[in-house]
């Protein structure tokens, strides 16, 4: 039994959906679970819709909804030339649910409202793909992930309730995988539900994590993540020419890369797979026959390739106690509590006797609240629009290649990892 995960780029248009169907047809798996993301850029589109509605921008909200609606309908037309095909009625039902949500005032908690609205990207995606699979005579069962993945109510970053999720998997998915000649289950990534049935999300790009959670609960043979790249590359090809494909790495190295921001793998994905030694394959959906890359417990085949990870739009804060006291445990505790209160994740930190420096993803709304809270007891200096570069397995020549003469504002170096916070422009 294999778990397939297809990201948004895999279902960005009609031909991509057709390719998904072809990959499923060609797979040798006797039992298959397919986890699907929202279609290309639709999570971003739904996020914009949520923000417009939350802020009461009625006209912007209306236009954004029309953009979302037209995107899905335009994608469907070549797949379902018959305008009376059931797919259109199924998609209309979901879009009507969205309009019902938008007809009401937004919840006072934006994160909770976000989790109420955002799952429709995945729900629309799976409905369209499901209808196309039926058209191609690929028998399967579409199961709402919110009936499977049980979580707490930490909106936008929900934590999985593993016992409840295992029970739900046994009750809903396992029976579907033991019926028919070649049982296939299709479900959504990224979304779940709390104990009261409220929709939740697992964090951006959380579909990889959903695939790992289901693989864990099902004791899958392997997980295959289908991407628009040949496999696991040592850098983003948009940032660096002549990238190198890494054929095989260990779970530990993959976790390090994900932790530092490698976007090809969701940071939470590796742990449940490592716990049951389930290999993770990253394969190109444009060429399914290619071997791709493997993440497994095998450390003997690991390649010591320099890997480059870029994080853009970083903010640097330098925090000094107003009473000129040391940066001690008490001060650090206060600082971390403030960051937790404002839901800001630190990407790098460093302290001296009287100063504590941190960098994090820039967000002006969050930053204003954070700054106000810190300035009660600390003096704060800051820089915006910086770039954080992480190099694993670095050599001196690698450093010179990426710096381009830019000034290093903050640096950390260990035996295998170098992080540099630099000015944003070369």
Protein backbone atom coordinates (compact mmCIF):
# COMPACT_ATOMS: atom_id res chain seq x y z
CA UNK A 1 0.00 0.00 0.00
CA UNK A 2 1.39 3.36 -1.07
CA UNK A 3 0.46 6.94 -0.23
CA UNK A 4 0.69 9.45 -3.10
CA UNK A 5 0.70 13.18 -2.46
CA UNK A 6 0.11 15.64 -5.30
CA UNK A 7 0.81 19.33 -4.68
CA UNK A 8 -0.87 22.36 -6.21
CA UNK A 9 1.49 22.45 -9.19
CA UNK A 10 0.42 18.88 -10.03
CA UNK A 11 -3.17 20.03 -10.54
CA UNK A 12 -2.61 23.54 -11.88
CA UNK A 13 -4.56 23.01 -15.13
CA UNK A 14 -6.47 20.45 -17.17
CA UNK A 15 -3.44 18.59 -18.60
CA UNK A 16 -1.96 18.32 -15.09
CA UNK A 17 -5.14 16.67 -13.79
CA UNK A 18 -4.99 14.27 -16.74
CA UNK A 19 -1.39 13.49 -15.83
CA UNK A 20 -2.43 12.68 -12.25
CA UNK A 21 -4.91 10.15 -13.62
CA UNK A 22 -2.21 8.61 -15.83
CA UNK A 23 0.21 8.27 -12.89
CA UNK A 24 -2.50 6.53 -10.87
CA UNK A 25 -3.25 4.15 -13.75
CA UNK A 26 0.44 3.27 -14.17
CA UNK A 27 1.17 2.76 -10.47
CA UNK A 28 1.88 -0.87 -9.49
CA UNK A 29 0.37 -0.30 -6.03
CA UNK A 30 -2.43 -2.72 -5.24
CA UNK A 31 -3.83 -0.30 -2.65
CA UNK A 32 -3.43 3.44 -3.00
CA UNK A 33 -4.21 6.49 -0.86
CA UNK A 34 -4.01 9.82 -2.70
CA UNK A 35 -3.57 13.08 -0.80
CA UNK A 36 -4.30 16.22 -2.80
CA UNK A 37 -3.52 19.89 -2.23
CA UNK A 38 -5.53 22.89 -3.38
CA UNK A 39 -4.99 23.73 -7.03
CA UNK A 40 -2.23 26.06 -8.16
CA UNK A 41 -2.05 29.21 -5.94
CA UNK A 42 -5.60 28.68 -4.67
CA UNK A 43 -4.58 28.61 -1.00
CA UNK A 44 -3.12 32.08 -1.52
CA UNK A 45 -6.32 33.12 -3.28
CA UNK A 46 -8.50 31.87 -0.43
CA UNK A 47 -6.22 33.59 2.10
CA UNK A 48 -6.77 36.88 0.27
CA UNK A 49 -10.52 36.23 0.24
CA UNK A 50 -10.48 35.57 4.00
CA UNK A 51 -8.58 38.78 4.69
CA UNK A 52 -10.84 40.94 2.49
CA UNK A 53 -13.97 39.57 4.15
CA UNK A 54 -12.51 39.83 7.64
CA UNK A 55 -11.66 43.50 7.04
CA UNK A 56 -15.13 44.20 5.62
CA UNK A 57 -13.91 44.96 2.07
CA UNK A 58 -17.10 43.83 0.33
CA UNK A 59 -16.11 44.73 -3.24
CA UNK A 60 -12.62 43.21 -2.95
CA UNK A 61 -14.15 40.11 -1.40
CA UNK A 62 -16.63 39.78 -4.27
CA UNK A 63 -13.93 40.15 -6.92
CA UNK A 64 -11.68 37.65 -5.16
CA UNK A 65 -14.48 35.10 -4.97
CA UNK A 66 -15.14 35.53 -8.70
CA UNK A 67 -11.43 35.00 -9.40
CA UNK A 68 -11.52 31.73 -7.45
CA UNK A 69 -14.75 30.60 -9.09
CA UNK A 70 -13.56 31.40 -12.62
CA UNK A 71 -10.19 29.68 -12.08
CA UNK A 72 -11.85 26.39 -11.20
CA UNK A 73 -14.46 26.60 -13.95
CA UNK A 74 -11.85 27.48 -16.59
CA UNK A 75 -9.75 24.50 -15.47
CA UNK A 76 -12.79 22.19 -15.69
CA UNK A 77 -13.94 23.08 -19.21
CA UNK A 78 -11.38 20.95 -21.13
CA UNK A 79 -11.83 18.09 -18.65
CA UNK A 80 -15.63 18.08 -18.83
CA UNK A 81 -16.74 19.47 -22.22
CA UNK A 82 -20.35 18.53 -21.47
CA UNK A 83 -21.72 21.53 -19.46
CA UNK A 84 -24.27 19.26 -17.76
CA UNK A 85 -21.61 16.96 -16.34
CA UNK A 86 -22.09 16.22 -12.63
CA UNK A 87 -18.71 17.84 -11.88
CA UNK A 88 -20.19 21.32 -12.36
CA UNK A 89 -23.05 20.68 -9.95
CA UNK A 90 -20.61 19.25 -7.37
CA UNK A 91 -18.33 22.29 -7.61
CA UNK A 92 -21.33 24.65 -7.45
CA UNK A 93 -22.40 23.04 -4.18
CA UNK A 94 -19.01 23.79 -2.64
CA UNK A 95 -18.94 27.35 -4.00
CA UNK A 96 -22.43 27.90 -2.56
CA UNK A 97 -21.09 26.84 0.84
CA UNK A 98 -18.38 29.47 0.47
CA UNK A 99 -20.94 32.17 -0.35
CA UNK A 100 -22.95 31.13 2.72
CA UNK A 101 -19.87 31.70 4.89
CA UNK A 102 -19.23 35.05 3.23
CA UNK A 103 -22.86 36.13 3.73
CA UNK A 104 -22.28 36.19 7.48
CA UNK A 105 -20.04 38.53 9.50
CA UNK A 106 -16.57 37.04 9.94
CA UNK A 107 -15.72 35.46 13.26
CA UNK A 108 -13.93 37.82 15.64
CA UNK A 109 -10.90 35.51 15.71
CA UNK A 110 -9.30 35.75 12.25
CA UNK A 111 -7.35 32.49 12.64
CA UNK A 112 -10.54 30.57 13.44
CA UNK A 113 -12.32 32.22 10.49
CA UNK A 114 -9.32 31.33 8.30
CA UNK A 115 -9.71 27.66 9.19
CA UNK A 116 -13.41 27.81 8.39
CA UNK A 117 -12.84 29.14 4.87
CA UNK A 118 -9.41 27.96 3.63
CA UNK A 119 -10.23 24.20 3.43
CA UNK A 120 -12.43 24.87 0.40
CA UNK A 121 -9.31 25.06 -1.76
CA UNK A 122 -8.64 21.38 -1.01
CA UNK A 123 -12.32 20.42 -1.14
CA UNK A 124 -12.71 21.91 -4.63
CA UNK A 125 -9.49 20.31 -5.85
CA UNK A 126 -10.41 16.80 -4.70
CA UNK A 127 -13.96 17.12 -6.04
CA UNK A 128 -12.72 18.04 -9.53
CA UNK A 129 -10.05 15.33 -9.58
CA UNK A 130 -12.51 12.77 -8.23
CA UNK A 131 -15.01 13.55 -10.99
CA UNK A 132 -12.26 13.22 -13.60
CA UNK A 133 -11.07 9.89 -12.17
CA UNK A 134 -14.62 8.54 -12.45
CA UNK A 135 -14.74 9.79 -16.02
CA UNK A 136 -11.53 7.82 -16.68
CA UNK A 137 -13.07 4.70 -15.08
CA UNK A 138 -10.68 4.83 -12.13
CA UNK A 139 -12.81 3.51 -9.30
CA UNK A 140 -12.08 5.15 -5.97
CA UNK A 141 -13.64 6.55 -2.83
CA UNK A 142 -13.46 10.26 -1.96
CA UNK A 143 -13.23 10.70 1.83
CA UNK A 144 -13.31 14.08 3.59
CA UNK A 145 -10.02 14.40 5.50
CA UNK A 146 -11.89 16.21 8.27
CA UNK A 147 -13.49 12.88 9.20
CA UNK A 148 -10.02 11.30 9.45
CA UNK A 149 -7.42 13.77 10.74
CA UNK A 150 -8.43 14.68 14.30
CA UNK A 151 -6.75 17.75 15.80
CA UNK A 152 -6.93 20.24 18.64
CA UNK A 153 -8.30 23.75 18.06
CA UNK A 154 -5.00 25.59 17.59
CA UNK A 155 -6.20 27.47 14.53
CA UNK A 156 -3.88 27.56 11.48
CA UNK A 157 -1.35 25.29 13.22
CA UNK A 158 -3.46 22.44 14.58
CA UNK A 159 -1.78 19.54 16.37
CA UNK A 160 -2.78 16.02 15.40
CA UNK A 161 -4.60 13.83 17.93
CA UNK A 162 -2.86 10.60 16.99
CA UNK A 163 -5.12 8.19 18.89
CA UNK A 164 -8.31 9.68 17.42
CA UNK A 165 -6.76 9.86 13.93
CA UNK A 166 -5.73 6.21 14.13
CA UNK A 167 -9.26 5.25 15.20
CA UNK A 168 -10.76 7.30 12.34
CA UNK A 169 -8.34 5.76 9.84
CA UNK A 170 -9.27 2.25 10.96
CA UNK A 171 -12.96 3.09 10.72
CA UNK A 172 -13.09 5.01 7.42
CA UNK A 173 -10.01 4.29 5.28
CA UNK A 174 -9.08 0.68 6.03
CA UNK A 175 -12.52 -0.70 5.01
CA UNK A 176 -12.28 1.25 1.75
CA UNK A 177 -8.86 -0.29 1.08
CA UNK A 178 -10.09 -3.84 1.51
CA UNK A 179 -12.88 -3.69 -1.06
CA UNK A 180 -12.74 -3.92 -4.83
CA UNK A 181 -10.05 -5.20 -7.18
CA UNK A 182 -7.71 -2.24 -6.74
CA UNK A 183 -9.00 -0.03 -3.92
CA UNK A 184 -8.11 3.66 -4.08
CA UNK A 185 -8.89 6.39 -1.55
CA UNK A 186 -8.73 10.09 -2.43
CA UNK A 187 -8.60 12.72 0.31
CA UNK A 188 -7.43 16.24 1.09
CA UNK A 189 -4.13 17.35 2.55
CA UNK A 190 -3.62 20.23 4.99
CA UNK A 191 -7.02 20.03 6.70
CA UNK A 192 -8.57 18.28 9.70
CA UNK A 193 -11.21 18.88 12.34
CA UNK A 194 -11.28 19.43 16.09
CA UNK A 195 -13.36 17.46 18.60
CA UNK A 196 -16.40 19.66 17.88
CA UNK A 197 -16.24 19.16 14.11
CA UNK A 198 -14.78 22.59 13.35
CA UNK A 199 -12.41 22.70 10.37
CA UNK A 200 -8.73 23.14 11.18
CA UNK A 201 -5.53 23.46 9.15
CA UNK A 202 -2.12 21.94 9.84
CA UNK A 203 0.06 24.90 8.77
CA UNK A 204 0.97 26.11 5.30
CA UNK A 205 2.17 23.39 2.92
CA UNK A 206 0.73 20.85 5.37
CA UNK A 207 -0.38 18.33 2.72
CA UNK A 208 2.99 16.56 2.96
CA UNK A 209 2.34 16.15 6.67
CA UNK A 210 -1.14 14.70 6.01
CA UNK A 211 0.42 12.10 3.72
CA UNK A 212 2.92 11.16 6.45
CA UNK A 213 0.19 10.97 9.12
CA UNK A 214 -1.93 8.62 7.00
CA UNK A 215 1.11 6.52 6.03
CA UNK A 216 1.92 6.12 9.72
CA UNK A 217 -1.62 5.10 10.63
CA UNK A 218 -1.84 2.68 7.67
CA UNK A 219 1.69 1.21 7.99
CA UNK A 220 2.24 2.11 4.35
CA UNK A 221 5.06 0.67 2.29
CA UNK A 222 6.17 4.15 1.20
CA UNK A 223 5.06 7.73 0.53
CA UNK A 224 5.58 9.35 -2.88
CA UNK A 225 5.43 13.14 -3.16
CA UNK A 226 5.00 14.25 -6.78
CA UNK A 227 6.74 17.54 -7.56
CA UNK A 228 7.58 19.80 -10.50
CA UNK A 229 11.31 19.09 -9.99
CA UNK A 230 13.41 15.95 -10.74
CA UNK A 231 13.73 15.16 -7.03
CA UNK A 232 15.35 16.67 -3.97
CA UNK A 233 17.64 19.41 -5.25
CA UNK A 234 20.47 21.06 -3.35
CA UNK A 235 18.97 24.52 -4.01
CA UNK A 236 15.89 26.20 -5.42
CA UNK A 237 16.46 26.20 -9.21
CA UNK A 238 14.90 29.68 -9.31
CA UNK A 239 17.75 30.90 -7.11
CA UNK A 240 20.70 28.94 -8.42
CA UNK A 241 21.72 27.55 -11.78
CA UNK A 242 23.26 24.08 -12.13
CA UNK A 243 21.50 22.54 -9.14
CA UNK A 244 22.40 18.99 -8.11
CA UNK A 245 19.84 16.25 -7.51
CA UNK A 246 20.40 14.38 -4.25
CA UNK A 247 19.58 10.74 -4.89
CA UNK A 248 19.28 9.62 -1.28
CA UNK A 249 19.53 11.21 2.16
CA UNK A 250 18.71 10.14 5.69
CA UNK A 251 15.67 11.14 7.73
CA UNK A 252 17.94 13.21 9.98
CA UNK A 253 19.42 15.24 7.14
CA UNK A 254 15.98 15.77 5.62
CA UNK A 255 14.70 17.09 8.97
CA UNK A 256 17.64 19.49 9.14
CA UNK A 257 16.91 20.82 5.64
CA UNK A 258 13.20 21.19 6.40
CA UNK A 259 13.92 22.90 9.72
CA UNK A 260 16.07 25.52 8.01
CA UNK A 261 13.39 26.19 5.42
CA UNK A 262 13.81 23.84 2.45
CA UNK A 263 10.38 24.24 0.86
CA UNK A 264 10.27 20.85 -0.84
CA UNK A 265 9.39 19.09 2.45
CA UNK A 266 7.05 20.22 5.21
CA UNK A 267 9.04 20.30 8.50
CA UNK A 268 6.65 17.94 10.34
CA UNK A 269 6.61 15.32 7.59
CA UNK A 270 9.67 13.29 8.51
CA UNK A 271 9.01 12.33 12.15
CA UNK A 272 6.02 9.96 11.66
CA UNK A 273 7.78 8.33 8.70
CA UNK A 274 11.02 7.84 10.62
CA UNK A 275 9.13 6.36 13.56
CA UNK A 276 7.96 3.48 11.34
CA UNK A 277 10.87 3.53 8.86
CA UNK A 278 8.59 4.38 5.93
CA UNK A 279 10.66 5.67 2.96
CA UNK A 280 9.70 8.99 1.37
CA UNK A 281 10.20 9.35 -2.38
CA UNK A 282 10.21 12.70 -4.19
CA UNK A 283 9.47 12.15 -7.87
CA UNK A 284 8.83 14.39 -10.92
CA UNK A 285 5.19 14.21 -12.03
CA UNK A 286 6.29 15.22 -15.53
CA UNK A 287 8.38 12.03 -15.83
CA UNK A 288 6.99 9.34 -13.49
CA UNK A 289 9.51 6.73 -14.66
CA UNK A 290 12.41 8.71 -13.20
CA UNK A 291 13.82 7.46 -9.89
CA UNK A 292 13.63 10.81 -8.11
CA UNK A 293 15.07 11.02 -4.59
CA UNK A 294 14.68 8.81 -1.53
CA UNK A 295 14.59 9.82 2.14
CA UNK A 296 15.09 6.80 4.37
CA UNK A 297 16.96 5.40 7.36
CA UNK A 298 19.90 4.45 5.12
CA UNK A 299 22.73 6.81 6.07
CA UNK A 300 25.48 4.99 4.19
CA UNK A 301 24.36 6.36 0.81
CA UNK A 302 23.99 9.95 1.97
CA UNK A 303 25.64 12.46 -0.35
CA UNK A 304 27.71 15.24 1.24
CA UNK A 305 26.42 17.87 -1.18
CA UNK A 306 26.34 21.55 -0.26
CA UNK A 307 22.68 22.54 0.12
CA UNK A 308 21.50 26.16 -0.10
CA UNK A 309 18.31 27.41 1.53
CA UNK A 310 17.06 30.98 1.12
CA UNK A 311 14.54 32.82 3.27
CA UNK A 312 13.47 36.24 2.02
CA UNK A 313 11.89 39.29 3.64
CA UNK A 314 13.51 38.68 7.02
CA UNK A 315 13.38 41.12 9.93
CA UNK A 316 16.28 41.49 12.36
CA UNK A 317 15.64 42.70 15.92
CA UNK A 318 18.34 43.63 18.41
CA UNK A 319 16.85 43.70 21.91
CA UNK A 320 18.55 45.33 24.92
CA UNK A 321 17.13 45.56 28.49
CA UNK A 322 16.28 49.17 29.41
CA UNK A 323 17.90 48.73 32.84
CA UNK A 324 21.18 47.65 31.20
CA UNK A 325 20.95 44.23 32.87
CA UNK A 326 22.43 41.07 31.40
CA UNK A 327 20.60 38.93 28.88
CA UNK A 328 19.90 36.27 31.48
CA UNK A 329 17.35 33.48 31.82
CA UNK A 330 14.69 35.84 33.20
CA UNK A 331 15.02 38.32 30.33
CA UNK A 332 15.08 35.54 27.73
CA UNK A 333 11.95 34.02 29.26
CA UNK A 334 10.13 37.36 28.97
CA UNK A 335 11.27 37.80 25.35
CA UNK A 336 10.21 34.31 24.28
CA UNK A 337 6.79 34.71 25.90
CA UNK A 338 6.25 37.91 23.89
CA UNK A 339 7.20 36.15 20.66
CA UNK A 340 4.85 33.28 21.51
CA UNK A 341 2.01 35.73 22.26
CA UNK A 342 2.35 37.24 18.78
CA UNK A 343 2.75 33.82 17.05
CA UNK A 344 6.14 34.73 15.57
CA UNK A 345 8.61 31.93 14.86
CA UNK A 346 12.29 32.75 15.24
CA UNK A 347 14.54 31.61 12.39
CA UNK A 348 17.89 32.49 14.00
CA UNK A 349 18.97 33.97 17.32
CA UNK A 350 22.16 35.09 19.03
CA UNK A 351 22.96 36.82 22.29
CA UNK A 352 25.77 38.82 23.88
CA UNK A 353 26.05 40.11 27.44
CA UNK A 354 23.42 42.85 27.05
CA UNK A 355 21.85 42.23 23.64
CA UNK A 356 19.68 39.51 22.10
CA UNK A 357 19.31 39.40 18.30
CA UNK A 358 16.67 37.45 16.40
CA UNK A 359 15.48 37.19 12.82
CA UNK A 360 12.05 36.06 11.64
CA UNK A 361 9.76 36.24 8.63
CA UNK A 362 8.63 39.81 7.99
CA UNK A 363 4.96 40.65 8.55
CA UNK A 364 4.07 44.26 9.25
CA UNK A 365 0.86 43.54 11.17
CA UNK A 366 2.55 41.08 13.53
CA UNK A 367 5.68 43.22 13.78
CA UNK A 368 3.85 46.30 15.09
CA UNK A 369 2.27 44.37 17.95
CA UNK A 370 5.54 42.62 18.77
CA UNK A 371 7.46 45.91 18.83
CA UNK A 372 4.94 47.55 21.15
CA UNK A 373 5.12 44.63 23.59
CA UNK A 374 8.92 44.51 23.61
CA UNK A 375 9.39 48.26 24.07
CA UNK A 376 7.81 48.18 27.53
CA UNK A 377 11.01 46.73 29.01
CA UNK A 378 13.55 46.71 26.19
CA UNK A 379 15.19 49.02 23.70
CA UNK A 380 14.75 47.64 20.18
CA UNK A 381 16.63 48.26 16.93
CA UNK A 382 15.48 46.63 13.72
CA UNK A 383 16.14 46.10 10.02
CA UNK A 384 13.61 44.90 7.44
CA UNK A 385 13.84 43.19 4.03
CA UNK A 386 16.89 41.04 4.77
CA UNK A 387 17.78 37.61 3.44
CA UNK A 388 18.68 34.53 5.48
CA UNK A 389 20.98 32.08 3.69
CA UNK A 390 21.61 28.63 5.15
CA UNK A 391 24.29 26.33 3.74
CA UNK A 392 24.56 22.70 4.83
CA UNK A 393 27.89 20.89 4.22
CA UNK A 394 29.51 24.20 3.34
CA UNK A 395 32.95 25.05 1.98
CA UNK A 396 34.54 28.50 1.81
CA UNK A 397 33.95 28.67 -1.93
CA UNK A 398 30.22 28.07 -1.33
CA UNK A 399 30.07 31.10 0.95
CA UNK A 400 31.73 33.40 -1.56
CA UNK A 401 29.39 32.15 -4.29
CA UNK A 402 26.19 33.25 -2.50
CA UNK A 403 27.33 36.42 -0.73
CA UNK A 404 28.01 38.51 -3.79
CA UNK A 405 29.75 41.19 -1.72
CA UNK A 406 26.80 41.77 0.60
CA UNK A 407 27.28 42.67 4.25
CA UNK A 408 26.67 39.96 6.87
CA UNK A 409 24.55 41.35 9.72
CA UNK A 410 24.31 38.14 11.74
CA UNK A 411 26.14 34.84 11.37
CA UNK A 412 26.09 31.42 13.00
CA UNK A 413 28.36 28.53 12.15
CA UNK A 414 28.50 24.91 13.28
CA UNK A 415 30.39 21.88 12.02
CA UNK A 416 27.91 21.28 9.18
CA UNK A 417 25.69 24.37 8.95
CA UNK A 418 26.32 28.04 8.23
CA UNK A 419 23.61 30.69 8.52
CA UNK A 420 24.11 34.27 7.33
CA UNK A 421 21.65 37.12 7.58
CA UNK A 422 22.54 39.55 4.83
CA UNK A 423 21.19 42.64 3.11
CA UNK A 424 18.51 41.79 0.60
CA UNK A 425 20.19 43.16 -2.56
CA UNK A 426 23.43 41.90 -4.12
